[in-house]
Amino acid sequence: MAEYTIVGHGETREILEKLLPYLKPKRELAKHAIRISKIPKKPTPKELLQYAALVDKSAEYNYSKKRTNTKETLIAYFKNHKILSP
């Protein structure tokens, strides 16, 4: 077993794109990660919700009992702070 740390969205996307043809069990997760890595530096609330949906979808491939932030919690935050219209 080996561990490899990649830092940065661009670098992560580059490695995943190169590995994609060889991935079998986590190919869909890699595709989600590539899409997520393209998030703009300052997304609009609408864009951020679209990326949050991708993150939620990718969470289906891995279990994390500490994960508390989801698209739904982001929507609630936006509504509470009047960032997003209902």
PDB file of N, CA and C in Angstrom:
ATOM      1  N   MET A   1       0.858  -1.165   0.000  1.00  0.00           N
ATOM      2  CA  MET A   1       0.000   0.000   0.000  1.00  0.00           C
ATOM      3  C   MET A   1       0.904   1.228   0.000  1.00  0.00           C
ATOM      4  N   ALA A   2       0.535   2.197  -0.802  1.00  0.00           N
ATOM      5  CA  ALA A   2       1.302   3.438  -0.878  1.00  0.00           C
ATOM      6  C   ALA A   2       0.355   4.621  -0.712  1.00  0.00           C
ATOM      7  N   GLU A   3       0.912   5.712  -0.269  1.00  0.00           N
ATOM      8  CA  GLU A   3       0.132   6.928  -0.114  1.00  0.00           C
ATOM      9  C   GLU A   3       0.819   8.035  -0.900  1.00  0.00           C
ATOM     10  N   TYR A   4       0.017   8.807  -1.614  1.00  0.00           N
ATOM     11  CA  TYR A   4       0.543   9.876  -2.461  1.00  0.00           C
ATOM     12  C   TYR A   4      -0.299  11.119  -2.209  1.00  0.00           C
ATOM     13  N   THR A   5       0.336  12.204  -1.835  1.00  0.00           N
ATOM     14  CA  THR A   5      -0.384  13.435  -1.532  1.00  0.00           C
ATOM     15  C   THR A   5      -0.233  14.414  -2.693  1.00  0.00           C
ATOM     16  N   ILE A   6      -1.345  14.945  -3.151  1.00  0.00           N
ATOM     17  CA  ILE A   6      -1.353  15.924  -4.238  1.00  0.00           C
ATOM     18  C   ILE A   6      -1.962  17.200  -3.683  1.00  0.00           C
ATOM     19  N   VAL A   7      -1.315  18.322  -3.923  1.00  0.00           N
ATOM     20  CA  VAL A   7      -1.796  19.597  -3.403  1.00  0.00           C
ATOM     21  C   VAL A   7      -2.190  20.493  -4.569  1.00  0.00           C
ATOM     22  N   GLY A   8      -3.403  21.027  -4.505  1.00  0.00           N
ATOM     23  CA  GLY A   8      -3.862  21.958  -5.536  1.00  0.00           C
ATOM     24  C   GLY A   8      -4.899  21.344  -6.448  1.00  0.00           C
ATOM     25  N   HIS A   9      -5.880  22.162  -6.823  1.00  0.00           N
ATOM     26  CA  HIS A   9      -6.967  21.681  -7.701  1.00  0.00           C
ATOM     27  C   HIS A   9      -6.450  21.270  -9.067  1.00  0.00           C
ATOM     28  N   GLY A  10      -5.624  22.114  -9.663  1.00  0.00           N
ATOM     29  CA  GLY A  10      -5.116  21.818 -11.007  1.00  0.00           C
ATOM     30  C   GLY A  10      -4.287  20.548 -11.039  1.00  0.00           C
ATOM     31  N   GLU A  11      -3.420  20.386 -10.043  1.00  0.00           N
ATOM     32  CA  GLU A  11      -2.566  19.203  -9.971  1.00  0.00           C
ATOM     33  C   GLU A  11      -3.397  17.938  -9.749  1.00  0.00           C
ATOM     34  N   THR A  12      -4.404  18.062  -8.884  1.00  0.00           N
ATOM     35  CA  THR A  12      -5.287  16.927  -8.620  1.00  0.00           C
ATOM     36  C   THR A  12      -6.034  16.524  -9.887  1.00  0.00           C
ATOM     37  N   ARG A  13      -6.583  17.512 -10.580  1.00  0.00           N
ATOM     38  CA  ARG A  13      -7.317  17.240 -11.818  1.00  0.00           C
ATOM     39  C   ARG A  13      -6.401  16.569 -12.847  1.00  0.00           C
ATOM     40  N   GLU A  14      -5.180  17.065 -12.979  1.00  0.00           N
ATOM     41  CA  GLU A  14      -4.231  16.509 -13.958  1.00  0.00           C
ATOM     42  C   GLU A  14      -3.940  15.032 -13.672  1.00  0.00           C
ATOM     43  N   ILE A  15      -3.671  14.701 -12.412  1.00  0.00           N
ATOM     44  CA  ILE A  15      -3.382  13.306 -12.050  1.00  0.00           C
ATOM     45  C   ILE A  15      -4.614  12.423 -12.280  1.00  0.00           C
ATOM     46  N   LEU A  16      -5.787  12.898 -11.855  1.00  0.00           N
ATOM     47  CA  LEU A  16      -7.003  12.099 -12.032  1.00  0.00           C
ATOM     48  C   LEU A  16      -7.315  11.860 -13.503  1.00  0.00           C
ATOM     49  N   GLU A  17      -7.111  12.875 -14.332  1.00  0.00           N
ATOM     50  CA  GLU A  17      -7.372  12.706 -15.768  1.00  0.00           C
ATOM     51  C   GLU A  17      -6.427  11.669 -16.374  1.00  0.00           C
ATOM     52  N   LYS A  18      -5.184  11.627 -15.879  1.00  0.00           N
ATOM     53  CA  LYS A  18      -4.230  10.636 -16.381  1.00  0.00           C
ATOM     54  C   LYS A  18      -4.557   9.225 -15.884  1.00  0.00           C
ATOM     55  N   LEU A  19      -5.078   9.132 -14.660  1.00  0.00           N
ATOM     56  CA  LEU A  19      -5.397   7.826 -14.084  1.00  0.00           C
ATOM     57  C   LEU A  19      -6.758   7.280 -14.513  1.00  0.00           C
ATOM     58  N   LEU A  20      -7.643   8.148 -14.967  1.00  0.00           N
ATOM     59  CA  LEU A  20      -9.026   7.774 -15.268  1.00  0.00           C
ATOM     60  C   LEU A  20      -9.169   6.501 -16.105  1.00  0.00           C
ATOM     61  N   PRO A  21      -8.398   6.317 -17.174  1.00  0.00           N
ATOM     62  CA  PRO A  21      -8.570   5.086 -17.976  1.00  0.00           C
ATOM     63  C   PRO A  21      -8.256   3.800 -17.199  1.00  0.00           C
ATOM     64  N   TYR A  22      -7.484   3.927 -16.109  1.00  0.00           N
ATOM     65  CA  TYR A  22      -7.059   2.742 -15.359  1.00  0.00           C
ATOM     66  C   TYR A  22      -7.894   2.490 -14.112  1.00  0.00           C
ATOM     67  N   LEU A  23      -8.752   3.420 -13.783  1.00  0.00           N
ATOM     68  CA  LEU A  23      -9.587   3.266 -12.597  1.00  0.00           C
ATOM     69  C   LEU A  23     -10.825   2.448 -12.942  1.00  0.00           C
ATOM     70  N   LYS A  24     -11.151   1.515 -12.073  1.00  0.00           N
ATOM     71  CA  LYS A  24     -12.361   0.727 -12.302  1.00  0.00           C
ATOM     72  C   LYS A  24     -13.375   0.976 -11.189  1.00  0.00           C
ATOM     73  N   PRO A  25     -13.085   0.589  -9.950  1.00  0.00           N
ATOM     74  CA  PRO A  25     -14.130   0.732  -8.930  1.00  0.00           C
ATOM     75  C   PRO A  25     -14.470   2.183  -8.566  1.00  0.00           C
ATOM     76  N   LYS A  26     -13.537   3.096  -8.708  1.00  0.00           N
ATOM     77  CA  LYS A  26     -13.800   4.477  -8.301  1.00  0.00           C
ATOM     78  C   LYS A  26     -13.755   5.454  -9.483  1.00  0.00           C
ATOM     79  N   ARG A  27     -14.025   4.956 -10.671  1.00  0.00           N
ATOM     80  CA  ARG A  27     -13.998   5.808 -11.863  1.00  0.00           C
ATOM     81  C   ARG A  27     -15.002   6.952 -11.761  1.00  0.00           C
ATOM     82  N   GLU A  28     -16.231   6.654 -11.327  1.00  0.00           N
ATOM     83  CA  GLU A  28     -17.253   7.699 -11.208  1.00  0.00           C
ATOM     84  C   GLU A  28     -16.860   8.730 -10.157  1.00  0.00           C
ATOM     85  N   LEU A  29     -16.264   8.283  -9.057  1.00  0.00           N
ATOM     86  CA  LEU A  29     -15.792   9.207  -8.029  1.00  0.00           C
ATOM     87  C   LEU A  29     -14.721  10.122  -8.608  1.00  0.00           C
ATOM     88  N   ALA A  30     -13.814   9.586  -9.397  1.00  0.00           N
ATOM     89  CA  ALA A  30     -12.769  10.392 -10.025  1.00  0.00           C
ATOM     90  C   ALA A  30     -13.383  11.428 -10.973  1.00  0.00           C
ATOM     91  N   LYS A  31     -14.416  11.042 -11.708  1.00  0.00           N
ATOM     92  CA  LYS A  31     -15.083  11.990 -12.611  1.00  0.00           C
ATOM     93  C   LYS A  31     -15.718  13.129 -11.819  1.00  0.00           C
ATOM     94  N   HIS A  32     -16.337  12.805 -10.687  1.00  0.00           N
ATOM     95  CA  HIS A  32     -16.914  13.849  -9.831  1.00  0.00           C
ATOM     96  C   HIS A  32     -15.811  14.769  -9.305  1.00  0.00           C
ATOM     97  N   ALA A  33     -14.702  14.188  -8.874  1.00  0.00           N
ATOM     98  CA  ALA A  33     -13.595  14.982  -8.335  1.00  0.00           C
ATOM     99  C   ALA A  33     -13.028  15.923  -9.401  1.00  0.00           C
ATOM    100  N   ILE A  34     -12.957  15.464 -10.632  1.00  0.00           N
ATOM    101  CA  ILE A  34     -12.474  16.316 -11.733  1.00  0.00           C
ATOM    102  C   ILE A  34     -13.428  17.492 -11.929  1.00  0.00           C
ATOM    103  N   ARG A  35     -14.738  17.228 -11.906  1.00  0.00           N
ATOM    104  CA  ARG A  35     -15.720  18.318 -12.048  1.00  0.00           C
ATOM    105  C   ARG A  35     -15.618  19.299 -10.883  1.00  0.00           C
ATOM    106  N   ILE A  36     -15.484  18.762  -9.669  1.00  0.00           N
ATOM    107  CA  ILE A  36     -15.387  19.607  -8.477  1.00  0.00           C
ATOM    108  C   ILE A  36     -14.131  20.468  -8.520  1.00  0.00           C
ATOM    109  N   SER A  37     -13.053  19.934  -9.072  1.00  0.00           N
ATOM    110  CA  SER A  37     -11.787  20.680  -9.113  1.00  0.00           C
ATOM    111  C   SER A  37     -11.856  21.909 -10.021  1.00  0.00           C
ATOM    112  N   LYS A  38     -12.909  22.007 -10.816  1.00  0.00           N
ATOM    113  CA  LYS A  38     -13.052  23.142 -11.735  1.00  0.00           C
ATOM    114  C   LYS A  38     -13.846  24.297 -11.133  1.00  0.00           C
ATOM    115  N   ILE A  39     -14.104  24.261  -9.831  1.00  0.00           N
ATOM    116  CA  ILE A  39     -14.869  25.312  -9.182  1.00  0.00           C
ATOM    117  C   ILE A  39     -14.127  26.651  -9.307  1.00  0.00           C
ATOM    118  N   PRO A  40     -14.835  27.714  -9.669  1.00  0.00           N
ATOM    119  CA  PRO A  40     -14.172  29.020  -9.783  1.00  0.00           C
ATOM    120  C   PRO A  40     -13.716  29.517  -8.410  1.00  0.00           C
ATOM    121  N   LYS A  41     -12.757  30.434  -8.403  1.00  0.00           N
ATOM    122  CA  LYS A  41     -12.239  30.969  -7.138  1.00  0.00           C
ATOM    123  C   LYS A  41     -13.318  31.684  -6.337  1.00  0.00           C
ATOM    124  N   LYS A  42     -14.217  32.385  -7.014  1.00  0.00           N
ATOM    125  CA  LYS A  42     -15.306  33.087  -6.331  1.00  0.00           C
ATOM    126  C   LYS A  42     -16.632  32.701  -6.990  1.00  0.00           C
ATOM    127  N   PRO A  43     -17.155  31.524  -6.644  1.00  0.00           N
ATOM    128  CA  PRO A  43     -18.410  31.092  -7.271  1.00  0.00           C
ATOM    129  C   PRO A  43     -19.596  31.902  -6.754  1.00  0.00           C
ATOM    130  N   THR A  44     -20.602  32.011  -7.586  1.00  0.00           N
ATOM    131  CA  THR A  44     -21.860  32.624  -7.159  1.00  0.00           C
ATOM    132  C   THR A  44     -22.549  31.626  -6.229  1.00  0.00           C
ATOM    133  N   PRO A  45     -23.535  32.074  -5.452  1.00  0.00           N
ATOM    134  CA  PRO A  45     -24.264  31.118  -4.613  1.00  0.00           C
ATOM    135  C   PRO A  45     -24.863  29.970  -5.424  1.00  0.00           C
ATOM    136  N   LYS A  46     -25.384  30.273  -6.604  1.00  0.00           N
ATOM    137  CA  LYS A  46     -25.969  29.231  -7.459  1.00  0.00           C
ATOM    138  C   LYS A  46     -24.898  28.218  -7.893  1.00  0.00           C
ATOM    139  N   GLU A  47     -23.732  28.715  -8.305  1.00  0.00           N
ATOM    140  CA  GLU A  47     -22.635  27.816  -8.699  1.00  0.00           C
ATOM    141  C   GLU A  47     -22.179  26.977  -7.510  1.00  0.00           C
ATOM    142  N   LEU A  48     -22.094  27.614  -6.351  1.00  0.00           N
ATOM    143  CA  LEU A  48     -21.649  26.901  -5.156  1.00  0.00           C
ATOM    144  C   LEU A  48     -22.607  25.758  -4.821  1.00  0.00           C
ATOM    145  N   LEU A  49     -23.895  25.982  -4.998  1.00  0.00           N
ATOM    146  CA  LEU A  49     -24.876  24.920  -4.756  1.00  0.00           C
ATOM    147  C   LEU A  49     -24.718  23.778  -5.763  1.00  0.00           C
ATOM    148  N   GLN A  50     -24.376  24.113  -7.004  1.00  0.00           N
ATOM    149  CA  GLN A  50     -24.151  23.068  -8.009  1.00  0.00           C
ATOM    150  C   GLN A  50     -22.942  22.211  -7.622  1.00  0.00           C
ATOM    151  N   TYR A  51     -21.886  22.861  -7.140  1.00  0.00           N
ATOM    152  CA  TYR A  51     -20.705  22.111  -6.717  1.00  0.00           C
ATOM    153  C   TYR A  51     -20.990  21.321  -5.440  1.00  0.00           C
ATOM    154  N   ALA A  52     -21.811  21.884  -4.551  1.00  0.00           N
ATOM    155  CA  ALA A  52     -22.183  21.164  -3.327  1.00  0.00           C
ATOM    156  C   ALA A  52     -22.934  19.884  -3.674  1.00  0.00           C
ATOM    157  N   ALA A  53     -23.769  19.941  -4.702  1.00  0.00           N
ATOM    158  CA  ALA A  53     -24.495  18.740  -5.140  1.00  0.00           C
ATOM    159  C   ALA A  53     -23.512  17.676  -5.642  1.00  0.00           C
ATOM    160  N   LEU A  54     -22.475  18.101  -6.347  1.00  0.00           N
ATOM    161  CA  LEU A  54     -21.450  17.150  -6.808  1.00  0.00           C
ATOM    162  C   LEU A  54     -20.699  16.539  -5.624  1.00  0.00           C
ATOM    163  N   VAL A  55     -20.402  17.364  -4.630  1.00  0.00           N
ATOM    164  CA  VAL A  55     -19.712  16.857  -3.441  1.00  0.00           C
ATOM    165  C   VAL A  55     -20.606  15.851  -2.721  1.00  0.00           C
ATOM    166  N   ASP A  56     -21.899  16.169  -2.583  1.00  0.00           N
ATOM    167  CA  ASP A  56     -22.832  15.231  -1.962  1.00  0.00           C
ATOM    168  C   ASP A  56     -22.862  13.905  -2.724  1.00  0.00           C
ATOM    169  N   LYS A  57     -22.885  13.989  -4.044  1.00  0.00           N
ATOM    170  CA  LYS A  57     -22.911  12.777  -4.870  1.00  0.00           C
ATOM    171  C   LYS A  57     -21.621  11.973  -4.676  1.00  0.00           C
ATOM    172  N   SER A  58     -20.491  12.652  -4.616  1.00  0.00           N
ATOM    173  CA  SER A  58     -19.222  11.943  -4.438  1.00  0.00           C
ATOM    174  C   SER A  58     -19.122  11.322  -3.051  1.00  0.00           C
ATOM    175  N   ALA A  59     -19.826  11.885  -2.076  1.00  0.00           N
ATOM    176  CA  ALA A  59     -19.798  11.330  -0.717  1.00  0.00           C
ATOM    177  C   ALA A  59     -20.428   9.944  -0.656  1.00  0.00           C
ATOM    178  N   GLU A  60     -21.240   9.607  -1.645  1.00  0.00           N
ATOM    179  CA  GLU A  60     -21.850   8.278  -1.690  1.00  0.00           C
ATOM    180  C   GLU A  60     -20.799   7.181  -1.877  1.00  0.00           C
ATOM    181  N   TYR A  61     -19.621   7.540  -2.369  1.00  0.00           N
ATOM    182  CA  TYR A  61     -18.570   6.565  -2.643  1.00  0.00           C
ATOM    183  C   TYR A  61     -17.672   6.326  -1.433  1.00  0.00           C
ATOM    184  N   ASN A  62     -17.731   7.222  -0.451  1.00  0.00           N
ATOM    185  CA  ASN A  62     -16.896   7.118   0.741  1.00  0.00           C
ATOM    186  C   ASN A  62     -17.740   7.426   1.972  1.00  0.00           C
ATOM    187  N   TYR A  63     -17.446   6.743   3.076  1.00  0.00           N
ATOM    188  CA  TYR A  63     -18.177   6.980   4.302  1.00  0.00           C
ATOM    189  C   TYR A  63     -17.395   7.952   5.174  1.00  0.00           C
ATOM    190  N   SER A  64     -18.071   8.958   5.679  1.00  0.00           N
ATOM    191  CA  SER A  64     -17.450   9.890   6.607  1.00  0.00           C
ATOM    192  C   SER A  64     -18.460  10.243   7.683  1.00  0.00           C
ATOM    193  N   LYS A  65     -18.214   9.771   8.897  1.00  0.00           N
ATOM    194  CA  LYS A  65     -19.160  10.057   9.973  1.00  0.00           C
ATOM    195  C   LYS A  65     -19.025  11.491  10.480  1.00  0.00           C
ATOM    196  N   LYS A  66     -17.941  12.185  10.117  1.00  0.00           N
ATOM    197  CA  LYS A  66     -17.747  13.562  10.558  1.00  0.00           C
ATOM    198  C   LYS A  66     -18.329  14.586   9.590  1.00  0.00           C
ATOM    199  N   ARG A  67     -18.781  14.158   8.441  1.00  0.00           N
ATOM    200  CA  ARG A  67     -19.293  15.086   7.428  1.00  0.00           C
ATOM    201  C   ARG A  67     -20.631  15.664   7.860  1.00  0.00           C
ATOM    202  N   THR A  68     -20.666  16.992   8.004  1.00  0.00           N
ATOM    203  CA  THR A  68     -21.905  17.654   8.424  1.00  0.00           C
ATOM    204  C   THR A  68     -22.381  18.689   7.411  1.00  0.00           C
ATOM    205  N   ASN A  69     -21.499  19.175   6.572  1.00  0.00           N
ATOM    206  CA  ASN A  69     -21.875  20.181   5.581  1.00  0.00           C
ATOM    207  C   ASN A  69     -22.329  19.507   4.297  1.00  0.00           C
ATOM    208  N   THR A  70     -23.554  19.814   3.909  1.00  0.00           N
ATOM    209  CA  THR A  70     -24.131  19.257   2.689  1.00  0.00           C
ATOM    210  C   THR A  70     -24.772  20.395   1.900  1.00  0.00           C
ATOM    211  N   LYS A  71     -25.309  20.064   0.751  1.00  0.00           N
ATOM    212  CA  LYS A  71     -26.014  21.074  -0.032  1.00  0.00           C
ATOM    213  C   LYS A  71     -27.173  21.644   0.776  1.00  0.00           C
ATOM    214  N   GLU A  72     -27.858  20.799   1.518  1.00  0.00           N
ATOM    215  CA  GLU A  72     -29.002  21.248   2.322  1.00  0.00           C
ATOM    216  C   GLU A  72     -28.574  22.220   3.417  1.00  0.00           C
ATOM    217  N   THR A  73     -27.444  21.963   4.084  1.00  0.00           N
ATOM    218  CA  THR A  73     -26.984  22.904   5.122  1.00  0.00           C
ATOM    219  C   THR A  73     -26.541  24.218   4.491  1.00  0.00           C
ATOM    220  N   LEU A  74     -26.004  24.149   3.292  1.00  0.00           N
ATOM    221  CA  LEU A  74     -25.606  25.362   2.570  1.00  0.00           C
ATOM    222  C   LEU A  74     -26.836  26.184   2.174  1.00  0.00           C
ATOM    223  N   ILE A  75     -27.882  25.518   1.719  1.00  0.00           N
ATOM    224  CA  ILE A  75     -29.139  26.211   1.376  1.00  0.00           C
ATOM    225  C   ILE A  75     -29.698  26.901   2.624  1.00  0.00           C
ATOM    226  N   ALA A  76     -29.703  26.188   3.742  1.00  0.00           N
ATOM    227  CA  ALA A  76     -30.216  26.775   4.987  1.00  0.00           C
ATOM    228  C   ALA A  76     -29.392  27.994   5.388  1.00  0.00           C
ATOM    229  N   TYR A  77     -28.073  27.903   5.260  1.00  0.00           N
ATOM    230  CA  TYR A  77     -27.199  29.037   5.581  1.00  0.00           C
ATOM    231  C   TYR A  77     -27.519  30.232   4.676  1.00  0.00           C
ATOM    232  N   PHE A  78     -27.636  29.975   3.383  1.00  0.00           N
ATOM    233  CA  PHE A  78     -27.940  31.052   2.431  1.00  0.00           C
ATOM    234  C   PHE A  78     -29.275  31.711   2.758  1.00  0.00           C
ATOM    235  N   LYS A  79     -30.268  30.908   3.092  1.00  0.00           N
ATOM    236  CA  LYS A  79     -31.577  31.459   3.418  1.00  0.00           C
ATOM    237  C   LYS A  79     -31.533  32.276   4.702  1.00  0.00           C
ATOM    238  N   ASN A  80     -30.838  31.763   5.718  1.00  0.00           N
ATOM    239  CA  ASN A  80     -30.734  32.477   6.996  1.00  0.00           C
ATOM    240  C   ASN A  80     -30.016  33.818   6.856  1.00  0.00           C
ATOM    241  N   HIS A  81     -29.096  33.893   5.930  1.00  0.00           N
ATOM    242  CA  HIS A  81     -28.318  35.121   5.728  1.00  0.00           C
ATOM    243  C   HIS A  81     -28.809  35.936   4.523  1.00  0.00           C
ATOM    244  N   LYS A  82     -29.981  35.535   4.031  1.00  0.00           N
ATOM    245  CA  LYS A  82     -30.622  36.225   2.908  1.00  0.00           C
ATOM    246  C   LYS A  82     -29.699  36.377   1.684  1.00  0.00           C
ATOM    247  N   ILE A  83     -28.924  35.349   1.455  1.00  0.00           N
ATOM    248  CA  ILE A  83     -28.034  35.300   0.292  1.00  0.00           C
ATOM    249  C   ILE A  83     -28.765  34.678  -0.891  1.00  0.00           C
ATOM    250  N   LEU A  84     -29.710  33.816  -0.580  1.00  0.00           N
ATOM    251  CA  LEU A  84     -30.434  33.072  -1.606  1.00  0.00           C
ATOM    252  C   LEU A  84     -31.921  33.287  -1.386  1.00  0.00           C
ATOM    253  N   SER A  85     -32.629  33.594  -2.446  1.00  0.00           N
ATOM    254  CA  SER A  85     -34.078  33.766  -2.302  1.00  0.00           C
ATOM    255  C   SER A  85     -34.726  32.396  -2.164  1.00  0.00           C
ATOM    256  N   PRO A  86     -35.825  32.295  -1.409  1.00  0.00           N
ATOM    257  CA  PRO A  86     -36.453  30.982  -1.155  1.00  0.00           C
ATOM    258  C   PRO A  86     -37.008  30.314  -2.395  1.00  0.00           C
TER     259      PRO A  86
END
